[in-house]
């Protein structure tokens, strides 16, 4: 059995919802070690019952769920890393939810989980700027591990955007942070989404729910997630 098949089985047994593998072009690694250009994308599905409670604001239950799923993914990254290290490989983890903010507050992580998941063929990005999984739409959280373990390519047909003429997320966003532009590989996030506007609205409107750290309205209204109920 290939090591990536062993690793996938190990992670799925631990409760991870989906796992993908890809190679990241060296020029896209930014400050990551060039030899660690093989990536593992981890997906954890969110609870439909919890997401469905979101209306025009997040709930306390969703805030707790969001944090718990992120912590679960971080634990799974560590387990995946230990799995690889015991077989003689190096690894580096990118946490499920962590902003680096090298040059001021820019709402960016060390590497884009959405980019890794797309390269691994697990889905695409919607007009909301959220990652849309092939089965569960935006109702997922992501995490990424980089390694020097030489995974074999797992080619999949690119996922076509399900957004079409929808626009539900654009209309539902109370921060008016979603532009409505269509995603394509390489598009700048600013063309799709204003993270500062989103964050400022959350801090103003939802201080009583997790100090304004989460929202989830655009995820709740997305039909790509609703179809899987």
Protein backbone atom coordinates (compact mmCIF):
# COMPACT_ATOMS: atom_id res chain seq x y z
CA UNK A 1 0.00 0.00 0.00
CA UNK A 2 1.27 3.49 -0.84
CA UNK A 3 2.21 5.63 2.15
CA UNK A 4 -0.40 8.23 1.18
CA UNK A 5 -3.08 5.54 1.18
CA UNK A 6 -1.93 4.46 4.65
CA UNK A 7 -1.98 8.06 5.83
CA UNK A 8 -5.42 8.71 4.35
CA UNK A 9 -6.83 5.59 6.02
CA UNK A 10 -5.22 6.60 9.32
CA UNK A 11 -6.74 10.09 9.22
CA UNK A 12 -10.19 8.94 8.12
CA UNK A 13 -10.18 6.42 10.97
CA UNK A 14 -9.43 9.31 13.36
CA UNK A 15 -12.48 11.23 12.13
CA UNK A 16 -11.17 13.48 9.35
CA UNK A 17 -13.88 13.80 6.66
CA UNK A 18 -11.69 13.93 3.54
CA UNK A 19 -7.98 13.97 2.65
CA UNK A 20 -6.24 15.12 -0.52
CA UNK A 21 -2.64 15.17 -1.74
CA UNK A 22 -0.89 17.55 -4.11
CA UNK A 23 2.44 19.06 -5.09
CA UNK A 24 2.76 22.82 -4.67
CA UNK A 25 4.87 24.67 -7.27
CA UNK A 26 8.06 25.96 -5.58
CA UNK A 27 7.33 29.57 -6.55
CA UNK A 28 4.08 29.42 -4.54
CA UNK A 29 5.67 28.20 -1.31
CA UNK A 30 6.62 31.72 -0.21
CA UNK A 31 8.72 31.27 2.99
CA UNK A 32 8.13 27.53 3.28
CA UNK A 33 11.13 25.20 2.84
CA UNK A 34 11.37 24.28 -0.84
CA UNK A 35 12.00 20.61 -0.10
CA UNK A 36 8.63 20.39 1.70
CA UNK A 37 6.61 20.88 -1.46
CA UNK A 38 4.25 17.93 -1.06
CA UNK A 39 1.02 18.92 0.67
CA UNK A 40 -1.73 17.07 2.52
CA UNK A 41 -5.10 18.84 2.68
CA UNK A 42 -7.37 17.85 5.58
CA UNK A 43 -11.14 18.46 5.58
CA UNK A 44 -13.47 18.34 8.57
CA UNK A 45 -17.20 18.56 7.90
CA UNK A 46 -19.25 20.93 10.06
CA UNK A 47 -22.50 19.85 11.71
CA UNK A 48 -25.52 20.64 9.52
CA UNK A 49 -27.72 20.96 12.61
CA UNK A 50 -25.41 23.61 14.08
CA UNK A 51 -24.96 25.52 10.81
CA UNK A 52 -28.72 25.48 10.17
CA UNK A 53 -29.32 27.45 13.38
CA UNK A 54 -27.48 30.44 11.92
CA UNK A 55 -29.90 33.13 10.71
CA UNK A 56 -28.68 36.72 10.35
CA UNK A 57 -26.04 36.17 13.02
CA UNK A 58 -23.85 33.35 14.37
CA UNK A 59 -24.90 31.39 17.44
CA UNK A 60 -22.95 30.61 20.58
CA UNK A 61 -23.12 26.95 19.60
CA UNK A 62 -21.60 27.67 16.20
CA UNK A 63 -18.77 29.69 17.77
CA UNK A 64 -17.91 26.76 20.06
CA UNK A 65 -18.22 24.28 17.17
CA UNK A 66 -15.96 26.43 14.95
CA UNK A 67 -13.23 26.51 17.58
CA UNK A 68 -13.59 22.83 18.43
CA UNK A 69 -13.33 21.70 14.79
CA UNK A 70 -10.27 23.91 14.26
CA UNK A 71 -8.63 22.37 17.33
CA UNK A 72 -9.51 18.88 16.06
CA UNK A 73 -7.87 19.62 12.70
CA UNK A 74 -4.74 20.93 14.42
CA UNK A 75 -4.54 17.67 16.37
CA UNK A 76 -4.95 15.71 13.15
CA UNK A 77 -2.11 17.69 11.56
CA UNK A 78 0.12 16.64 14.44
CA UNK A 79 -0.92 13.00 14.13
CA UNK A 80 -0.27 13.09 10.38
CA UNK A 81 3.13 14.65 11.01
CA UNK A 82 4.07 12.02 13.57
CA UNK A 83 2.93 9.32 11.14
CA UNK A 84 5.29 10.70 8.47
CA UNK A 85 8.17 11.43 10.84
CA UNK A 86 8.19 7.83 12.04
CA UNK A 87 8.74 6.81 8.43
CA UNK A 88 11.73 9.12 8.04
CA UNK A 89 10.10 12.23 6.56
CA UNK A 90 9.96 15.84 7.69
CA UNK A 91 6.77 17.83 8.07
CA UNK A 92 5.49 21.35 8.71
CA UNK A 93 1.93 22.19 9.71
CA UNK A 94 -0.24 25.18 8.82
CA UNK A 95 -2.89 25.60 11.51
CA UNK A 96 -6.57 25.47 10.67
CA UNK A 97 -7.17 29.10 11.66
CA UNK A 98 -4.13 31.31 12.21
CA UNK A 99 -3.31 34.72 10.74
CA UNK A 100 0.37 35.54 10.24
CA UNK A 101 0.05 39.26 9.40
CA UNK A 102 3.65 39.79 8.32
CA UNK A 103 3.12 43.32 7.03
CA UNK A 104 0.28 44.59 9.17
CA UNK A 105 -3.17 43.11 9.62
CA UNK A 106 -3.81 41.31 6.32
CA UNK A 107 -6.01 38.36 7.38
CA UNK A 108 -3.71 35.81 5.72
CA UNK A 109 -2.31 32.52 6.91
CA UNK A 110 1.14 31.14 6.17
CA UNK A 111 -0.31 29.30 3.18
CA UNK A 112 -3.82 29.25 1.74
CA UNK A 113 -5.74 26.15 2.81
CA UNK A 114 -8.15 26.80 -0.05
CA UNK A 115 -5.31 26.74 -2.57
CA UNK A 116 -3.98 23.42 -1.25
CA UNK A 117 -7.48 21.88 -1.22
CA UNK A 118 -8.12 23.04 -4.79
CA UNK A 119 -4.74 21.70 -5.97
CA UNK A 120 -5.65 18.38 -4.30
CA UNK A 121 -8.88 18.25 -6.30
CA UNK A 122 -11.18 18.43 -3.28
CA UNK A 123 -13.32 21.29 -4.58
CA UNK A 124 -13.22 24.89 -5.77
CA UNK A 125 -13.80 28.40 -4.44
CA UNK A 126 -17.18 30.10 -4.63
CA UNK A 127 -18.22 33.72 -5.08
CA UNK A 128 -18.26 33.98 -1.31
CA UNK A 129 -14.49 33.33 -1.34
CA UNK A 130 -15.26 30.22 0.72
CA UNK A 131 -13.89 26.83 -0.28
CA UNK A 132 -16.66 24.62 -1.70
CA UNK A 133 -16.09 20.92 -1.10
CA UNK A 134 -17.35 18.50 -3.75
CA UNK A 135 -19.86 16.97 -1.34
CA UNK A 136 -20.44 19.40 1.50
CA UNK A 137 -20.02 22.80 -0.13
CA UNK A 138 -18.76 25.47 2.30
CA UNK A 139 -19.73 23.55 5.42
CA UNK A 140 -16.18 22.43 6.13
CA UNK A 141 -12.98 23.58 7.81
CA UNK A 142 -9.52 22.98 6.34
CA UNK A 143 -5.93 22.45 7.45
CA UNK A 144 -2.70 21.76 5.55
CA UNK A 145 0.52 19.83 6.14
CA UNK A 146 3.71 20.13 4.06
CA UNK A 147 6.27 17.33 3.83
CA UNK A 148 9.15 15.91 1.81
CA UNK A 149 7.33 12.58 1.49
CA UNK A 150 6.96 12.07 -2.30
CA UNK A 151 3.23 11.57 -2.75
CA UNK A 152 2.01 10.41 -6.12
CA UNK A 153 -0.37 12.68 -8.09
CA UNK A 154 -4.07 11.90 -7.77
CA UNK A 155 -5.55 13.54 -10.85
CA UNK A 156 -9.19 14.61 -10.65
CA UNK A 157 -11.35 16.58 -13.01
CA UNK A 158 -11.44 20.22 -11.89
CA UNK A 159 -14.67 21.03 -10.09
CA UNK A 160 -16.85 23.50 -11.96
CA UNK A 161 -18.16 26.38 -9.88
CA UNK A 162 -21.73 25.73 -8.73
CA UNK A 163 -22.37 29.44 -8.23
CA UNK A 164 -23.76 30.23 -11.72
CA UNK A 165 -26.26 33.10 -11.27
CA UNK A 166 -26.93 32.37 -7.58
CA UNK A 167 -25.76 35.39 -5.58
CA UNK A 168 -27.32 34.30 -2.27
CA UNK A 169 -24.11 34.94 -0.34
CA UNK A 170 -23.76 38.42 -1.86
CA UNK A 171 -27.28 39.38 -0.79
CA UNK A 172 -26.98 37.80 2.66
CA UNK A 173 -23.66 39.41 3.66
CA UNK A 174 -24.52 42.16 6.16
CA UNK A 175 -20.98 43.52 5.88
CA UNK A 176 -21.33 43.92 2.08
CA UNK A 177 -17.92 42.25 1.90
CA UNK A 178 -18.66 39.88 -1.02
CA UNK A 179 -18.26 41.48 -4.44
CA UNK A 180 -20.10 38.83 -6.47
CA UNK A 181 -17.18 38.26 -8.84
CA UNK A 182 -16.48 34.72 -10.04
CA UNK A 183 -13.44 32.85 -8.73
CA UNK A 184 -10.77 31.50 -11.05
CA UNK A 185 -7.34 30.03 -10.25
CA UNK A 186 -4.89 32.81 -9.46
CA UNK A 187 -7.51 35.51 -8.85
CA UNK A 188 -6.63 37.98 -6.11
CA UNK A 189 -8.83 37.62 -3.03
CA UNK A 190 -9.60 41.34 -3.10
CA UNK A 191 -11.57 40.82 -6.32
CA UNK A 192 -13.94 38.48 -4.46
CA UNK A 193 -14.01 39.56 -0.87
CA UNK A 194 -13.11 42.34 1.60
CA UNK A 195 -11.74 40.57 4.71
CA UNK A 196 -11.30 43.82 6.63
CA UNK A 197 -14.92 44.80 6.05
CA UNK A 198 -16.06 41.34 7.16
CA UNK A 199 -13.91 41.43 10.31
CA UNK A 200 -14.96 44.95 11.27
CA UNK A 201 -18.65 44.03 10.96
CA UNK A 202 -18.20 40.91 13.10
CA UNK A 203 -16.41 42.87 15.81
CA UNK A 204 -19.16 45.49 15.87
CA UNK A 205 -22.17 43.19 15.61
CA UNK A 206 -21.15 39.97 17.37
CA UNK A 207 -19.03 41.00 20.36
CA UNK A 208 -21.43 39.03 22.56
CA UNK A 209 -20.73 35.86 20.54
CA UNK A 210 -17.08 34.89 20.69
CA UNK A 211 -15.90 38.51 20.79
CA UNK A 212 -16.85 38.99 17.15
CA UNK A 213 -14.59 36.26 15.73
CA UNK A 214 -17.11 34.32 13.61
CA UNK A 215 -20.15 34.88 11.42
CA UNK A 216 -21.13 32.03 9.05
CA UNK A 217 -24.14 33.67 7.37
CA UNK A 218 -22.72 33.29 3.83
CA UNK A 219 -21.95 29.63 4.54
CA UNK A 220 -25.45 29.02 5.91
CA UNK A 221 -27.26 30.35 2.82
CA UNK A 222 -25.05 28.63 0.22
CA UNK A 223 -27.02 26.05 -1.82
CA UNK A 224 -23.83 24.04 -2.40
CA UNK A 225 -24.08 23.00 1.25
CA UNK A 226 -27.85 22.71 1.41
CA UNK A 227 -27.97 20.15 -1.42
CA UNK A 228 -26.26 17.55 0.76
CA UNK A 229 -28.87 17.47 3.56
